[in-house]
């Protein structure tokens, strides 16, 4: 299964959408984060969580 991470980046904020290519899983999560290192780490942790929980074999990140 593929994890798709959409990012909308501004100077102060990161809007993120996590979804898969599986029709049984709609959007997993939509969230806004501050544009800083702490938030980047949080986004990475969400990705790692979904990889493990959903047995993801491919990650696609787009802006």
PDB file of N, CA and C in Angstrom:
ATOM      1  N   UNK A   1       0.850  -1.169   0.000  1.00  0.00           N
ATOM      2  CA  UNK A   1       0.000   0.000   0.000  1.00  0.00           C
ATOM      3  C   UNK A   1       0.899   1.236   0.000  1.00  0.00           C
ATOM      4  N   UNK A   2       0.424   2.283  -0.637  1.00  0.00           N
ATOM      5  CA  UNK A   2       1.164   3.522  -0.765  1.00  0.00           C
ATOM      6  C   UNK A   2       0.610   4.557   0.216  1.00  0.00           C
ATOM      7  N   UNK A   3       1.510   5.255   0.936  1.00  0.00           N
ATOM      8  CA  UNK A   3       1.142   6.396   1.770  1.00  0.00           C
ATOM      9  C   UNK A   3       1.445   7.661   0.986  1.00  0.00           C
ATOM     10  N   UNK A   4       0.450   8.511   0.857  1.00  0.00           N
ATOM     11  CA  UNK A   4       0.602   9.768   0.133  1.00  0.00           C
ATOM     12  C   UNK A   4       0.513  10.899   1.149  1.00  0.00           C
ATOM     13  N   UNK A   5       1.524  11.763   1.148  1.00  0.00           N
ATOM     14  CA  UNK A   5       1.580  12.885   2.076  1.00  0.00           C
ATOM     15  C   UNK A   5       1.596  14.164   1.247  1.00  0.00           C
ATOM     16  N   UNK A   6       0.542  14.958   1.384  1.00  0.00           N
ATOM     17  CA  UNK A   6       0.470  16.233   0.691  1.00  0.00           C
ATOM     18  C   UNK A   6       0.840  17.350   1.644  1.00  0.00           C
ATOM     19  N   UNK A   7       1.720  18.236   1.193  1.00  0.00           N
ATOM     20  CA  UNK A   7       2.170  19.355   2.024  1.00  0.00           C
ATOM     21  C   UNK A   7       1.864  20.676   1.335  1.00  0.00           C
ATOM     22  N   UNK A   8       1.324  21.611   2.101  1.00  0.00           N
ATOM     23  CA  UNK A   8       1.169  22.990   1.651  1.00  0.00           C
ATOM     24  C   UNK A   8       2.019  23.823   2.596  1.00  0.00           C
ATOM     25  N   UNK A   9       3.081  24.409   2.064  1.00  0.00           N
ATOM     26  CA  UNK A   9       4.085  25.070   2.892  1.00  0.00           C
ATOM     27  C   UNK A   9       3.967  26.579   2.764  1.00  0.00           C
ATOM     28  N   UNK A  10       3.922  27.257   3.913  1.00  0.00           N
ATOM     29  CA  UNK A  10       4.034  28.716   3.935  1.00  0.00           C
ATOM     30  C   UNK A  10       5.164  29.065   4.900  1.00  0.00           C
ATOM     31  N   UNK A  11       5.462  30.332   5.030  1.00  0.00           N
ATOM     32  CA  UNK A  11       6.576  30.727   5.895  1.00  0.00           C
ATOM     33  C   UNK A  11       6.300  30.451   7.369  1.00  0.00           C
ATOM     34  N   UNK A  12       5.035  30.354   7.749  1.00  0.00           N
ATOM     35  CA  UNK A  12       4.704  30.152   9.163  1.00  0.00           C
ATOM     36  C   UNK A  12       3.995  28.837   9.456  1.00  0.00           C
ATOM     37  N   UNK A  13       3.465  28.167   8.429  1.00  0.00           N
ATOM     38  CA  UNK A  13       2.592  27.024   8.678  1.00  0.00           C
ATOM     39  C   UNK A  13       2.810  25.921   7.644  1.00  0.00           C
ATOM     40  N   UNK A  14       2.594  24.679   8.088  1.00  0.00           N
ATOM     41  CA  UNK A  14       2.594  23.514   7.209  1.00  0.00           C
ATOM     42  C   UNK A  14       1.226  22.855   7.313  1.00  0.00           C
ATOM     43  N   UNK A  15       0.496  22.774   6.213  1.00  0.00           N
ATOM     44  CA  UNK A  15      -0.760  22.030   6.172  1.00  0.00           C
ATOM     45  C   UNK A  15      -0.443  20.676   5.548  1.00  0.00           C
ATOM     46  N   UNK A  16      -0.870  19.610   6.221  1.00  0.00           N
ATOM     47  CA  UNK A  16      -0.498  18.262   5.804  1.00  0.00           C
ATOM     48  C   UNK A  16      -1.740  17.387   5.685  1.00  0.00           C
ATOM     49  N   UNK A  17      -1.761  16.552   4.651  1.00  0.00           N
ATOM     50  CA  UNK A  17      -2.825  15.572   4.470  1.00  0.00           C
ATOM     51  C   UNK A  17      -2.166  14.213   4.242  1.00  0.00           C
ATOM     52  N   UNK A  18      -2.583  13.223   5.032  1.00  0.00           N
ATOM     53  CA  UNK A  18      -2.081  11.857   4.911  1.00  0.00           C
ATOM     54  C   UNK A  18      -3.197  10.996   4.341  1.00  0.00           C
ATOM     55  N   UNK A  19      -2.934  10.283   3.250  1.00  0.00           N
ATOM     56  CA  UNK A  19      -3.917   9.365   2.688  1.00  0.00           C
ATOM     57  C   UNK A  19      -3.209   8.187   2.041  1.00  0.00           C
ATOM     58  N   UNK A  20      -3.992   7.168   1.676  1.00  0.00           N
ATOM     59  CA  UNK A  20      -3.418   6.002   1.008  1.00  0.00           C
ATOM     60  C   UNK A  20      -4.061   5.842  -0.366  1.00  0.00           C
ATOM     61  N   UNK A  21      -3.519   4.904  -1.131  1.00  0.00           N
ATOM     62  CA  UNK A  21      -4.098   4.595  -2.439  1.00  0.00           C
ATOM     63  C   UNK A  21      -5.131   3.477  -2.340  1.00  0.00           C
ATOM     64  N   UNK A  22      -5.517   3.098  -1.128  1.00  0.00           N
ATOM     65  CA  UNK A  22      -6.520   2.059  -0.883  1.00  0.00           C
ATOM     66  C   UNK A  22      -7.886   2.715  -0.709  1.00  0.00           C
ATOM     67  N   UNK A  23      -8.858   2.307  -1.516  1.00  0.00           N
ATOM     68  CA  UNK A  23     -10.198   2.901  -1.448  1.00  0.00           C
ATOM     69  C   UNK A  23     -10.880   2.680  -0.104  1.00  0.00           C
ATOM     70  N   UNK A  24     -10.449   1.673   0.657  1.00  0.00           N
ATOM     71  CA  UNK A  24     -11.043   1.408   1.966  1.00  0.00           C
ATOM     72  C   UNK A  24     -10.572   2.387   3.033  1.00  0.00           C
ATOM     73  N   UNK A  25      -9.492   3.099   2.762  1.00  0.00           N
ATOM     74  CA  UNK A  25      -8.963   4.074   3.708  1.00  0.00           C
ATOM     75  C   UNK A  25      -9.132   5.467   3.119  1.00  0.00           C
ATOM     76  N   UNK A  26     -10.071   6.230   3.621  1.00  0.00           N
ATOM     77  CA  UNK A  26     -10.180   7.612   3.152  1.00  0.00           C
ATOM     78  C   UNK A  26      -8.993   8.411   3.687  1.00  0.00           C
ATOM     79  N   UNK A  27      -9.121   9.678   3.707  1.00  0.00           N
ATOM     80  CA  UNK A  27      -8.063  10.524   4.261  1.00  0.00           C
ATOM     81  C   UNK A  27      -7.785  10.072   5.691  1.00  0.00           C
ATOM     82  N   UNK A  28      -6.527   9.796   5.985  1.00  0.00           N
ATOM     83  CA  UNK A  28      -6.150   9.332   7.319  1.00  0.00           C
ATOM     84  C   UNK A  28      -6.118  10.471   8.324  1.00  0.00           C
ATOM     85  N   UNK A  29      -5.564  11.615   7.902  1.00  0.00           N
ATOM     86  CA  UNK A  29      -5.435  12.752   8.810  1.00  0.00           C
ATOM     87  C   UNK A  29      -5.164  14.011   8.010  1.00  0.00           C
ATOM     88  N   UNK A  30      -5.779  15.102   8.445  1.00  0.00           N
ATOM     89  CA  UNK A  30      -5.465  16.432   7.947  1.00  0.00           C
ATOM     90  C   UNK A  30      -5.077  17.260   9.157  1.00  0.00           C
ATOM     91  N   UNK A  31      -3.979  18.009   9.056  1.00  0.00           N
ATOM     92  CA  UNK A  31      -3.512  18.770  10.211  1.00  0.00           C
ATOM     93  C   UNK A  31      -2.701  19.975   9.756  1.00  0.00           C
ATOM     94  N   UNK A  32      -2.628  20.956  10.639  1.00  0.00           N
ATOM     95  CA  UNK A  32      -1.779  22.130  10.433  1.00  0.00           C
ATOM     96  C   UNK A  32      -0.718  22.151  11.522  1.00  0.00           C
ATOM     97  N   UNK A  33       0.494  22.483  11.115  1.00  0.00           N
ATOM     98  CA  UNK A  33       1.625  22.552  12.032  1.00  0.00           C
ATOM     99  C   UNK A  33       2.336  23.880  11.824  1.00  0.00           C
ATOM    100  N   UNK A  34       3.074  24.310  12.854  1.00  0.00           N
ATOM    101  CA  UNK A  34       3.956  25.450  12.665  1.00  0.00           C
ATOM    102  C   UNK A  34       5.094  25.015  11.747  1.00  0.00           C
ATOM    103  N   UNK A  35       5.654  25.949  11.025  1.00  0.00           N
ATOM    104  CA  UNK A  35       6.765  25.642  10.130  1.00  0.00           C
ATOM    105  C   UNK A  35       8.066  25.744  10.924  1.00  0.00           C
ATOM    106  N   UNK A  36       8.382  24.673  11.664  1.00  0.00           N
ATOM    107  CA  UNK A  36       9.607  24.630  12.457  1.00  0.00           C
ATOM    108  C   UNK A  36      10.105  23.187  12.560  1.00  0.00           C
ATOM    109  N   UNK A  37      11.270  23.027  13.175  1.00  0.00           N
ATOM    110  CA  UNK A  37      11.892  21.705  13.272  1.00  0.00           C
ATOM    111  C   UNK A  37      11.060  20.739  14.108  1.00  0.00           C
ATOM    112  N   UNK A  38      10.458  21.221  15.177  1.00  0.00           N
ATOM    113  CA  UNK A  38       9.632  20.357  16.029  1.00  0.00           C
ATOM    114  C   UNK A  38       8.476  19.774  15.219  1.00  0.00           C
ATOM    115  N   UNK A  39       7.824  20.598  14.429  1.00  0.00           N
ATOM    116  CA  UNK A  39       6.698  20.125  13.613  1.00  0.00           C
ATOM    117  C   UNK A  39       7.159  19.162  12.532  1.00  0.00           C
ATOM    118  N   UNK A  40       8.324  19.414  11.951  1.00  0.00           N
ATOM    119  CA  UNK A  40       8.855  18.486  10.946  1.00  0.00           C
ATOM    120  C   UNK A  40       9.072  17.106  11.563  1.00  0.00           C
ATOM    121  N   UNK A  41       9.537  17.077  12.796  1.00  0.00           N
ATOM    122  CA  UNK A  41       9.714  15.811  13.504  1.00  0.00           C
ATOM    123  C   UNK A  41       8.369  15.150  13.774  1.00  0.00           C
ATOM    124  N   UNK A  42       7.359  15.929  14.123  1.00  0.00           N
ATOM    125  CA  UNK A  42       6.020  15.374  14.343  1.00  0.00           C
ATOM    126  C   UNK A  42       5.470  14.753  13.060  1.00  0.00           C
ATOM    127  N   UNK A  43       5.657  15.422  11.939  1.00  0.00           N
ATOM    128  CA  UNK A  43       5.195  14.896  10.651  1.00  0.00           C
ATOM    129  C   UNK A  43       5.923  13.589  10.332  1.00  0.00           C
ATOM    130  N   UNK A  44       7.233  13.573  10.551  1.00  0.00           N
ATOM    131  CA  UNK A  44       8.007  12.338  10.342  1.00  0.00           C
ATOM    132  C   UNK A  44       7.458  11.204  11.202  1.00  0.00           C
ATOM    133  N   UNK A  45       7.124  11.510  12.451  1.00  0.00           N
ATOM    134  CA  UNK A  45       6.596  10.480  13.352  1.00  0.00           C
ATOM    135  C   UNK A  45       5.234   9.964  12.889  1.00  0.00           C
ATOM    136  N   UNK A  46       4.381  10.839  12.340  1.00  0.00           N
ATOM    137  CA  UNK A  46       3.113  10.382  11.766  1.00  0.00           C
ATOM    138  C   UNK A  46       3.383   9.427  10.606  1.00  0.00           C
ATOM    139  N   UNK A  47       4.333   9.776   9.744  1.00  0.00           N
ATOM    140  CA  UNK A  47       4.668   8.914   8.606  1.00  0.00           C
ATOM    141  C   UNK A  47       5.136   7.545   9.098  1.00  0.00           C
ATOM    142  N   UNK A  48       6.051   7.532  10.060  1.00  0.00           N
ATOM    143  CA  UNK A  48       6.559   6.258  10.582  1.00  0.00           C
ATOM    144  C   UNK A  48       5.453   5.440  11.241  1.00  0.00           C
ATOM    145  N   UNK A  49       4.544   6.109  11.926  1.00  0.00           N
ATOM    146  CA  UNK A  49       3.411   5.421  12.553  1.00  0.00           C
ATOM    147  C   UNK A  49       2.546   4.732  11.499  1.00  0.00           C
ATOM    148  N   UNK A  50       2.200   5.460  10.434  1.00  0.00           N
ATOM    149  CA  UNK A  50       1.356   4.875   9.390  1.00  0.00           C
ATOM    150  C   UNK A  50       2.078   3.759   8.639  1.00  0.00           C
ATOM    151  N   UNK A  51       3.385   3.905   8.418  1.00  0.00           N
ATOM    152  CA  UNK A  51       4.154   2.848   7.753  1.00  0.00           C
ATOM    153  C   UNK A  51       4.042   1.549   8.538  1.00  0.00           C
ATOM    154  N   UNK A  52       4.185   1.643   9.848  1.00  0.00           N
ATOM    155  CA  UNK A  52       4.119   0.440  10.681  1.00  0.00           C
ATOM    156  C   UNK A  52       2.690  -0.075  10.819  1.00  0.00           C
ATOM    157  N   UNK A  53       1.744   0.815  11.088  1.00  0.00           N
ATOM    158  CA  UNK A  53       0.361   0.405  11.354  1.00  0.00           C
ATOM    159  C   UNK A  53      -0.323  -0.182  10.123  1.00  0.00           C
ATOM    160  N   UNK A  54      -0.053   0.379   8.949  1.00  0.00           N
ATOM    161  CA  UNK A  54      -0.771  -0.010   7.737  1.00  0.00           C
ATOM    162  C   UNK A  54       0.074  -0.839   6.772  1.00  0.00           C
ATOM    163  N   UNK A  55       1.277  -1.220   7.182  1.00  0.00           N
ATOM    164  CA  UNK A  55       2.157  -2.015   6.333  1.00  0.00           C
ATOM    165  C   UNK A  55       2.417  -1.314   4.996  1.00  0.00           C
ATOM    166  N   UNK A  56       2.811  -0.067   5.072  1.00  0.00           N
ATOM    167  CA  UNK A  56       3.090   0.757   3.892  1.00  0.00           C
ATOM    168  C   UNK A  56       4.392   0.293   3.245  1.00  0.00           C
ATOM    169  N   UNK A  57       4.392   0.163   1.912  1.00  0.00           N
ATOM    170  CA  UNK A  57       5.618  -0.221   1.219  1.00  0.00           C
ATOM    171  C   UNK A  57       6.170   0.886   0.321  1.00  0.00           C
ATOM    172  N   UNK A  58       5.436   1.988   0.210  1.00  0.00           N
ATOM    173  CA  UNK A  58       5.914   3.113  -0.591  1.00  0.00           C
ATOM    174  C   UNK A  58       5.356   4.404  -0.008  1.00  0.00           C
ATOM    175  N   UNK A  59       6.205   5.436   0.063  1.00  0.00           N
ATOM    176  CA  UNK A  59       5.792   6.752   0.558  1.00  0.00           C
ATOM    177  C   UNK A  59       5.990   7.758  -0.566  1.00  0.00           C
ATOM    178  N   UNK A  60       4.950   8.548  -0.829  1.00  0.00           N
ATOM    179  CA  UNK A  60       5.022   9.612  -1.826  1.00  0.00           C
ATOM    180  C   UNK A  60       4.708  10.916  -1.110  1.00  0.00           C
ATOM    181  N   UNK A  61       5.627  11.878  -1.210  1.00  0.00           N
ATOM    182  CA  UNK A  61       5.429  13.181  -0.577  1.00  0.00           C
ATOM    183  C   UNK A  61       5.439  14.231  -1.674  1.00  0.00           C
ATOM    184  N   UNK A  62       4.394  15.057  -1.692  1.00  0.00           N
ATOM    185  CA  UNK A  62       4.303  16.101  -2.707  1.00  0.00           C
ATOM    186  C   UNK A  62       3.921  17.428  -2.096  1.00  0.00           C
ATOM    187  N   UNK A  63       4.380  18.488  -2.763  1.00  0.00           N
ATOM    188  CA  UNK A  63       4.060  19.836  -2.300  1.00  0.00           C
ATOM    189  C   UNK A  63       3.285  20.567  -3.374  1.00  0.00           C
TER     190      UNK A  63
END
